[in-house]
Amino acid sequence: MDGTRYPQELAALHRLASIAPRSVDEELVIHEVLAAAADVVACEAVLLFSYDPDSDHMLVHSSARGEGMRVSLSEPSVIRRIFDTGRGEVIKELLTDPEPSSILSEKLG
């Protein structure tokens, strides 16, 4: 492990752990997860997706863009791949991923 990143990662985990027992405010938790990920991963933006079972869509939460994007899981995309595998990914360039999302390309491109 890179010794220079360890303190950042530890601080991010501590920040997230400290809000868990005191908050059930979903927006606060999402905001803190986005901020902690941005502190640890060098990137332009952090995207967090939450599943809406009623609509079978992913709700997009972004550290750099407005809220409100919804992505259908019916089309092949990086989002569906991650949802299906259950494993998170760090993607260097979302728009050039082998399975890009047309909705994200349109809104973030």
Protein backbone atom coordinates (compact mmCIF):
# COMPACT_ATOMS: atom_id res chain seq x y z
CA MET A 1 0.00 0.00 0.00
CA ASP A 2 1.23 3.48 -0.83
CA GLY A 3 2.23 5.03 2.50
CA THR A 4 1.28 8.54 1.40
CA ARG A 5 -2.33 7.56 0.68
CA TYR A 6 -2.89 5.60 3.88
CA PRO A 7 -3.66 8.68 6.05
CA GLN A 8 -6.19 9.95 3.46
CA GLU A 9 -7.92 6.58 3.31
CA LEU A 10 -7.99 6.29 7.08
CA ALA A 11 -9.38 9.82 7.45
CA ALA A 12 -12.09 9.07 4.87
CA LEU A 13 -13.11 5.87 6.67
CA HIS A 14 -13.16 7.68 10.00
CA ARG A 15 -15.39 10.43 8.57
CA LEU A 16 -17.84 7.86 7.20
CA ALA A 17 -17.84 5.81 10.39
CA SER A 18 -18.54 8.91 12.47
CA ILE A 19 -21.76 9.79 10.61
CA ALA A 20 -23.25 6.29 10.62
CA PRO A 21 -24.38 6.15 14.24
CA ARG A 22 -25.73 9.70 14.34
CA SER A 23 -27.56 10.07 11.05
CA VAL A 24 -30.30 8.41 9.10
CA ASP A 25 -30.35 11.35 6.70
CA GLU A 26 -29.76 9.64 3.36
CA GLU A 27 -28.65 12.85 1.61
CA LEU A 28 -26.02 13.54 4.29
CA VAL A 29 -24.67 10.00 4.01
CA ILE A 30 -24.53 10.22 0.20
CA HIS A 31 -22.79 13.61 0.39
CA GLU A 32 -20.19 12.26 2.84
CA VAL A 33 -19.55 9.13 0.75
CA LEU A 34 -19.00 11.28 -2.35
CA ALA A 35 -16.67 13.64 -0.46
CA ALA A 36 -14.68 10.78 1.10
CA ALA A 37 -14.26 9.02 -2.25
CA ALA A 38 -13.12 12.27 -3.89
CA ASP A 39 -10.52 12.70 -1.13
CA VAL A 40 -9.08 9.23 -1.74
CA VAL A 41 -9.39 8.81 -5.52
CA ALA A 42 -7.82 11.42 -7.78
CA CYS A 43 -10.65 12.17 -10.20
CA GLU A 44 -12.77 14.88 -11.76
CA ALA A 45 -16.00 13.56 -10.29
CA VAL A 46 -17.31 10.76 -8.13
CA LEU A 47 -20.56 9.07 -9.13
CA LEU A 48 -22.57 7.01 -6.70
CA PHE A 49 -25.50 4.94 -7.88
CA SER A 50 -28.37 3.81 -5.69
CA TYR A 51 -30.95 1.29 -6.83
CA ASP A 52 -34.64 2.17 -6.97
CA PRO A 53 -36.44 -1.19 -6.97
CA ASP A 54 -39.81 0.39 -7.76
CA SER A 55 -38.62 1.66 -11.16
CA ASP A 56 -35.68 -0.73 -11.76
CA HIS A 57 -33.47 2.33 -12.31
CA MET A 58 -30.24 3.52 -10.78
CA LEU A 59 -30.32 6.99 -9.26
CA VAL A 60 -27.14 8.93 -10.00
CA HIS A 61 -25.51 11.01 -7.25
CA SER A 62 -22.57 13.12 -8.39
CA SER A 63 -19.90 15.17 -6.66
CA ALA A 64 -19.68 17.49 -9.69
CA ARG A 65 -23.06 17.57 -11.40
CA GLY A 66 -26.64 18.12 -10.43
CA GLU A 67 -28.76 15.37 -9.05
CA GLY A 68 -31.73 13.75 -10.65
CA MET A 69 -30.28 11.50 -13.32
CA ARG A 70 -31.90 8.10 -13.58
CA VAL A 71 -30.34 5.25 -15.53
CA SER A 72 -32.38 2.28 -16.66
CA LEU A 73 -30.92 -1.14 -16.02
CA SER A 74 -32.57 -2.45 -19.19
CA GLU A 75 -29.82 -1.19 -21.52
CA PRO A 76 -26.30 -2.66 -21.58
CA SER A 77 -23.99 -0.25 -19.81
CA VAL A 78 -21.18 0.01 -17.31
CA ILE A 79 -23.83 0.72 -14.69
CA ARG A 80 -25.68 -2.51 -15.37
CA ARG A 81 -22.37 -4.41 -15.41
CA ILE A 82 -21.49 -3.11 -11.95
CA PHE A 83 -25.02 -3.76 -10.66
CA ASP A 84 -25.02 -7.32 -12.04
CA THR A 85 -21.58 -8.23 -10.67
CA GLY A 86 -22.04 -6.48 -7.34
CA ARG A 87 -18.45 -5.17 -7.48
CA GLY A 88 -17.51 -1.52 -7.45
CA GLU A 89 -15.12 -0.17 -10.06
CA VAL A 90 -12.83 2.80 -10.43
CA ILE A 91 -13.23 3.88 -14.05
CA LYS A 92 -10.65 6.27 -15.43
CA GLU A 93 -12.80 7.54 -18.29
CA LEU A 94 -16.49 6.73 -18.07
CA LEU A 95 -17.28 7.85 -21.61
CA THR A 96 -14.73 5.48 -23.19
CA ASP A 97 -15.67 2.42 -21.15
CA PRO A 98 -16.34 -0.67 -23.35
CA GLU A 99 -19.96 -0.56 -22.16
CA PRO A 100 -20.77 3.16 -22.00
CA SER A 101 -24.15 4.41 -20.93
CA SER A 102 -25.86 6.54 -23.58
CA ILE A 103 -27.67 8.54 -20.88
CA LEU A 104 -24.47 9.29 -18.97
CA SER A 105 -22.62 10.10 -22.20
CA GLU A 106 -25.33 12.59 -23.09
CA LYS A 107 -25.53 14.22 -19.64
CA LEU A 108 -21.84 14.12 -18.66
CA GLY A 109 -20.17 14.30 -22.06
